[in-house]
Structures are given as structure tokens and as C-alpha cells.
C-alpha atoms as a PDB file:
ATOM      1  CA  MET A   1       0.000   0.001   0.000  1.00  0.00           C
ATOM      2  CA  GLU A   2       1.458   3.326  -1.068  1.00  0.00           C
ATOM      3  CA  VAL A   3      -0.386   6.266   0.434  1.00  0.00           C
ATOM      4  CA  THR A   4       0.295   9.787  -0.795  1.00  0.00           C
ATOM      5  CA  TYR A   5      -0.690  13.014   0.917  1.00  0.00           C
ATOM      6  CA  ARG A   6      -1.468  16.376  -0.580  1.00  0.00           C
ATOM      7  CA  LEU A   7      -3.301  19.603   0.065  1.00  0.00           C
ATOM      8  CA  ALA A   8      -6.634  20.000  -1.662  1.00  0.00           C
ATOM      9  CA  THR A   9      -7.028  22.627  -4.364  1.00  0.00           C
ATOM     10  CA  GLN A  10      -9.951  24.337  -6.066  1.00  0.00           C
ATOM     11  CA  ASP A  11     -10.062  21.340  -8.432  1.00  0.00           C
ATOM     12  CA  ASP A  12     -11.012  19.116  -5.475  1.00  0.00           C
ATOM     13  CA  ILE A  13     -14.100  21.005  -4.332  1.00  0.00           C
ATOM     14  CA  ASP A  14     -16.602  18.413  -5.562  1.00  0.00           C
ATOM     15  CA  LEU A  15     -14.659  15.694  -3.723  1.00  0.00           C
ATOM     16  CA  LEU A  16     -14.451  17.827  -0.566  1.00  0.00           C
ATOM     17  CA  VAL A  17     -18.193  18.428  -0.584  1.00  0.00           C
ATOM     18  CA  GLU A  18     -18.874  14.725  -1.059  1.00  0.00           C
ATOM     19  CA  GLN A  19     -16.463  13.816   1.743  1.00  0.00           C
ATOM     20  CA  ARG A  20     -17.961  16.410   4.093  1.00  0.00           C
ATOM     21  CA  LEU A  21     -21.526  15.250   3.442  1.00  0.00           C
ATOM     22  CA  ASP A  22     -20.463  11.677   4.159  1.00  0.00           C
ATOM     23  CA  PHE A  23     -18.609  12.762   7.298  1.00  0.00           C
ATOM     24  CA  ILE A  24     -21.595  14.609   8.758  1.00  0.00           C
ATOM     25  CA  GLN A  25     -23.881  11.795   7.576  1.00  0.00           C
ATOM     26  CA  VAL A  26     -26.274  13.856   5.505  1.00  0.00           C
ATOM     27  CA  SER A  27     -28.082  11.692   2.955  1.00  0.00           C
ATOM     28  CA  GLU A  28     -29.756  12.766  -0.260  1.00  0.00           C
ATOM     29  CA  ASN A  29     -33.051  11.934   1.465  1.00  0.00           C
ATOM     30  CA  SER A  30     -32.554  14.720   4.000  1.00  0.00           C
ATOM     31  CA  SER A  31     -34.754  17.775   3.477  1.00  0.00           C
ATOM     32  CA  ASP A  32     -31.676  19.975   4.041  1.00  0.00           C
ATOM     33  CA  TYR A  33     -29.368  18.015   1.700  1.00  0.00           C
ATOM     34  CA  GLU A  34     -29.293  20.468  -1.204  1.00  0.00           C
ATOM     35  CA  MET A  35     -28.884  23.489   1.073  1.00  0.00           C
ATOM     36  CA  ILE A  36     -26.047  21.864   3.031  1.00  0.00           C
ATOM     37  CA  LYS A  37     -24.386  20.678  -0.178  1.00  0.00           C
ATOM     38  CA  ALA A  38     -24.531  24.187  -1.674  1.00  0.00           C
ATOM     39  CA  SER A  39     -23.251  25.709   1.574  1.00  0.00           C
ATOM     40  CA  CYS A  40     -20.332  23.257   1.692  1.00  0.00           C
ATOM     41  CA  TYR A  41     -19.459  24.049  -1.919  1.00  0.00           C
ATOM     42  CA  ALA A  42     -19.531  27.802  -1.244  1.00  0.00           C
ATOM     43  CA  TYR A  43     -17.469  27.347   1.926  1.00  0.00           C
ATOM     44  CA  PHE A  44     -14.685  25.352   0.263  1.00  0.00           C
ATOM     45  CA  GLU A  45     -14.651  27.602  -2.791  1.00  0.00           C
ATOM     46  CA  LYS A  46     -14.137  30.698  -0.636  1.00  0.00           C
ATOM     47  CA  ALA A  47     -11.925  29.144   2.066  1.00  0.00           C
ATOM     48  CA  LEU A  48      -9.476  27.576  -0.386  1.00  0.00           C
ATOM     49  CA  LEU A  49      -9.307  30.765  -2.434  1.00  0.00           C
ATOM     50  CA  HIS A  50      -8.638  32.936   0.639  1.00  0.00           C
ATOM     51  CA  GLN A  51      -6.498  30.289   2.380  1.00  0.00           C
ATOM     52  CA  THR A  52      -8.686  30.224   5.487  1.00  0.00           C
ATOM     53  CA  CYS A  53      -8.649  26.441   5.493  1.00  0.00           C
ATOM     54  CA  ASP A  54      -6.353  23.603   4.539  1.00  0.00           C
ATOM     55  CA  VAL A  55      -7.571  20.150   3.626  1.00  0.00           C
ATOM     56  CA  VAL A  56      -5.126  17.258   3.661  1.00  0.00           C
ATOM     57  CA  LEU A  57      -6.070  14.345   1.442  1.00  0.00           C
ATOM     58  CA  ALA A  58      -4.645  10.844   1.837  1.00  0.00           C
ATOM     59  CA  GLU A  59      -4.846   8.883  -1.400  1.00  0.00           C
ATOM     60  CA  GLU A  60      -4.048   5.418  -2.621  1.00  0.00           C
ATOM     61  CA  SER A  61      -3.863   4.982  -6.391  1.00  0.00           C
ATOM     62  CA  GLY A  62      -5.592   8.353  -6.810  1.00  0.00           C
ATOM     63  CA  VAL A  63      -8.558   7.398  -4.587  1.00  0.00           C
ATOM     64  CA  CYS A  64      -9.207   9.434  -1.443  1.00  0.00           C
ATOM     65  CA  ILE A  65      -8.950   7.218   1.637  1.00  0.00           C
ATOM     66  CA  GLY A  66      -8.681   9.884   4.329  1.00  0.00           C
ATOM     67  CA  THR A  67      -9.100  13.578   5.012  1.00  0.00           C
ATOM     68  CA  GLY A  68      -8.553  16.219   7.625  1.00  0.00           C
ATOM     69  CA  ILE A  69      -9.496  19.886   7.639  1.00  0.00           C
ATOM     70  CA  ALA A  70      -8.039  22.842   9.502  1.00  0.00           C
ATOM     71  CA  PHE A  71      -9.842  26.153   9.337  1.00  0.00           C
ATOM     72  CA  TYR A  72      -8.325  29.368  10.569  1.00  0.00           C
ATOM     73  CA  TYR A  73      -9.882  32.308  12.324  1.00  0.00           C
ATOM     74  CA  ASP A  74      -8.915  35.289  14.435  1.00  0.00           C
ATOM     75  CA  SER A  75     -10.269  35.976  17.890  1.00  0.00           C
ATOM     76  CA  VAL A  76      -9.802  38.575  20.558  1.00  0.00           C
ATOM     77  CA  PRO A  77      -6.199  38.276  21.834  1.00  0.00           C
ATOM     78  CA  SER A  78      -5.744  36.798  25.282  1.00  0.00           C
ATOM     79  CA  ILE A  79      -3.034  35.697  27.693  1.00  0.00           C
ATOM     80  CA  LEU A  80      -3.170  32.186  26.200  1.00  0.00           C
ATOM     81  CA  ASN A  81      -3.252  33.501  22.646  1.00  0.00           C
ATOM     82  CA  PRO A  82      -1.662  36.980  22.398  1.00  0.00           C
ATOM     83  CA  ALA A  83      -1.960  37.083  18.586  1.00  0.00           C
ATOM     84  CA  GLY A  84      -5.582  35.897  18.603  1.00  0.00           C
ATOM     85  CA  LYS A  85      -4.870  33.435  15.765  1.00  0.00           C
ATOM     86  CA  ASN A  86      -6.711  30.106  16.017  1.00  0.00           C
ATOM     87  CA  ALA A  87      -6.803  26.890  14.019  1.00  0.00           C
ATOM     88  CA  TYR A  88      -9.523  24.308  14.402  1.00  0.00           C
ATOM     89  CA  ILE A  89      -9.196  20.737  13.150  1.00  0.00           C
ATOM     90  CA  THR A  90     -12.295  18.933  11.968  1.00  0.00           C
ATOM     91  CA  SER A  91     -13.412  16.136   9.651  1.00  0.00           C
ATOM     92  CA  MET A  92     -10.534  13.815  10.493  1.00  0.00           C
ATOM     93  CA  TYR A  93     -11.492  10.596   8.759  1.00  0.00           C
ATOM     94  CA  VAL A  94      -9.812   7.468   7.423  1.00  0.00           C
ATOM     95  CA  LYS A  95     -11.806   4.752   5.675  1.00  0.00           C
ATOM     96  CA  PRO A  96     -12.250   1.793   8.050  1.00  0.00           C
ATOM     97  CA  GLU A  97     -10.216  -0.649   5.971  1.00  0.00           C
ATOM     98  CA  TYR A  98      -7.193   1.717   6.157  1.00  0.00           C
ATOM     99  CA  ARG A  99      -7.289   2.456   9.885  1.00  0.00           C
ATOM    100  CA  CYS A 100      -4.501   1.605  12.335  1.00  0.00           C
ATOM    101  CA  ALA A 101      -1.853   2.107   9.627  1.00  0.00           C
ATOM    102  CA  GLY A 102      -0.717   5.593  10.720  1.00  0.00           C
ATOM    103  CA  ILE A 103      -2.685   7.421   8.037  1.00  0.00           C
ATOM    104  CA  GLY A 104      -4.736   9.502  10.473  1.00  0.00           C
ATOM    105  CA  ASN A 105      -1.574  10.493  12.321  1.00  0.00           C
ATOM    106  CA  ASN A 106       0.118  11.483   9.045  1.00  0.00           C
ATOM    107  CA  ILE A 107      -2.865  13.630   8.101  1.00  0.00           C
ATOM    108  CA  LEU A 108      -2.860  15.221  11.556  1.00  0.00           C
ATOM    109  CA  MET A 109       0.855  16.037  11.445  1.00  0.00           C
ATOM    110  CA  ARG A 110       0.497  17.642   8.018  1.00  0.00           C
ATOM    111  CA  ILE A 111      -2.413  19.768   9.247  1.00  0.00           C
ATOM    112  CA  ILE A 112      -0.392  20.875  12.274  1.00  0.00           C
ATOM    113  CA  GLU A 113       2.504  21.833   9.984  1.00  0.00           C
ATOM    114  CA  CYS A 114       0.154  23.874   7.779  1.00  0.00           C
ATOM    115  CA  ALA A 115      -1.113  25.772  10.812  1.00  0.00           C
ATOM    116  CA  LYS A 116       2.395  26.399  12.120  1.00  0.00           C
ATOM    117  CA  GLU A 117       3.562  27.669   8.712  1.00  0.00           C
ATOM    118  CA  LYS A 118       0.746  30.236   8.856  1.00  0.00           C
ATOM    119  CA  ASP A 119       1.687  31.228  12.428  1.00  0.00           C
ATOM    120  CA  TYR A 120      -1.426  29.724  13.988  1.00  0.00           C
ATOM    121  CA  ASN A 121      -0.046  28.552  17.308  1.00  0.00           C
ATOM    122  CA  ILE A 122      -3.312  27.563  19.000  1.00  0.00           C
ATOM    123  CA  ILE A 123      -4.939  24.491  17.488  1.00  0.00           C
ATOM    124  CA  MET A 124      -8.239  23.207  18.827  1.00  0.00           C
ATOM    125  CA  LEU A 125     -10.474  20.242  18.130  1.00  0.00           C
ATOM    126  CA  ASN A 126     -13.157  18.079  19.623  1.00  0.00           C
ATOM    127  CA  ALA A 127     -11.987  14.486  19.825  1.00  0.00           C
ATOM    128  CA  SER A 128     -14.016  11.375  19.291  1.00  0.00           C
ATOM    129  CA  THR A 129     -13.376   8.527  21.680  1.00  0.00           C
ATOM    130  CA  MET A 130     -11.568   6.687  18.887  1.00  0.00           C
ATOM    131  CA  GLY A 131      -9.381   9.681  17.956  1.00  0.00           C
ATOM    132  CA  ARG A 132      -8.502  10.872  21.470  1.00  0.00           C
ATOM    133  CA  PRO A 133      -5.382   8.672  21.932  1.00  0.00           C
ATOM    134  CA  MET A 134      -3.897   9.881  18.632  1.00  0.00           C
ATOM    135  CA  TYR A 135      -4.384  13.527  19.611  1.00  0.00           C
ATOM    136  CA  GLU A 136      -3.002  12.999  23.101  1.00  0.00           C
ATOM    137  CA  LYS A 137       0.067  11.274  21.647  1.00  0.00           C
ATOM    138  CA  VAL A 138       1.033  14.452  19.746  1.00  0.00           C
ATOM    139  CA  GLY A 139       0.401  16.714  22.736  1.00  0.00           C
ATOM    140  CA  PHE A 140      -3.236  17.781  22.705  1.00  0.00           C
ATOM    141  CA  THR A 141      -4.626  18.218  26.205  1.00  0.00           C
ATOM    142  CA  GLU A 142      -8.161  18.336  27.552  1.00  0.00           C
ATOM    143  CA  ILE A 143      -9.696  21.766  28.129  1.00  0.00           C
ATOM    144  CA  ARG A 144     -13.306  22.570  29.031  1.00  0.00           C
ATOM    145  CA  GLY A 145     -14.832  19.771  26.954  1.00  0.00           C
ATOM    146  CA  GLY A 146     -12.394  20.058  24.042  1.00  0.00           C
ATOM    147  CA  MET A 147      -8.731  19.559  23.396  1.00  0.00           C
ATOM    148  CA  ILE A 148      -6.005  22.012  22.462  1.00  0.00           C
ATOM    149  CA  LEU A 149      -2.428  21.886  21.211  1.00  0.00           C
ATOM    150  CA  GLU A 150      -0.092  24.807  21.697  1.00  0.00           C
ATOM    151  CA  VAL A 151       2.698  24.707  19.102  1.00  0.00           C
END
């Protein structure tokens, strides 16, 4: 198995929308499906253009087998975050048949590097029970119902 990793581009928007809809488990039968699909498309179109998000894709033979998203936003500066620059990781997913092979960790590390390159030193996420050990292993710690990594 040879897995490659890359950042998504504008050419990947249809794939990103499909992956996001699968991740949040919205089916075509949902009354909100078309609205959510259109909103996801608009989000990725704008966020990729303005570099307010990074999406790491894991692929095998050109087929997407895993993803992770970091979106970036500014907040009011604080003692913990004097610059007020925040990154939030979401949509970490690896297809079940590829799990426990280090793919999720590789995606995570690439997302962290993207955030660091953009000077986002506070990275937050909400961890699933399954993902928690991976996040803790790279230094995320529990805070008020979420987890955070200071880089």
C-alpha cells in the first residue's frame, strides 16, 4: 500500500463536498441536503481561495482514503493567545479498511505543519473517543470539553 498526501485545491471542491456530506452523515433523502451541499461548496470555494482552510487528502492509487481539515480564524487576543490566531481541526477521517496504519496520524501532522507555517499557534479540536489517543500522543490536552495543542 502506497499512500500519498497532498493539500486539496480548487479542483477538489466536488470531492471535498462529497467527503464532508459523508462525514456529517447527511443523505440525499434529508430535506436539508441540497442546502447543506450548496453551503459546503460555497465554503470550500471561498476558504481555499482565501487560504482560510487547509484540507489534507490521503490517497491510494488516486482514490481518497482519508481527510482532515483545519480552518483558521482570528479571535480577541488573550493571555493564552496573544496574537488571537486560532486553528480548528475537523473532519478527520480514514476509511475503516485503512485504519490503524498511521494514516490519520500522518494527516494530523500535516495539518499541524500547515497551521504552524501560517503562524497559527493555538490548534483546537473536539476528539471522538476513537481519535482521542492519537491527539493525546502528539500533545493535545483536555480543556473545558475540548482539546487544544499549543505549538
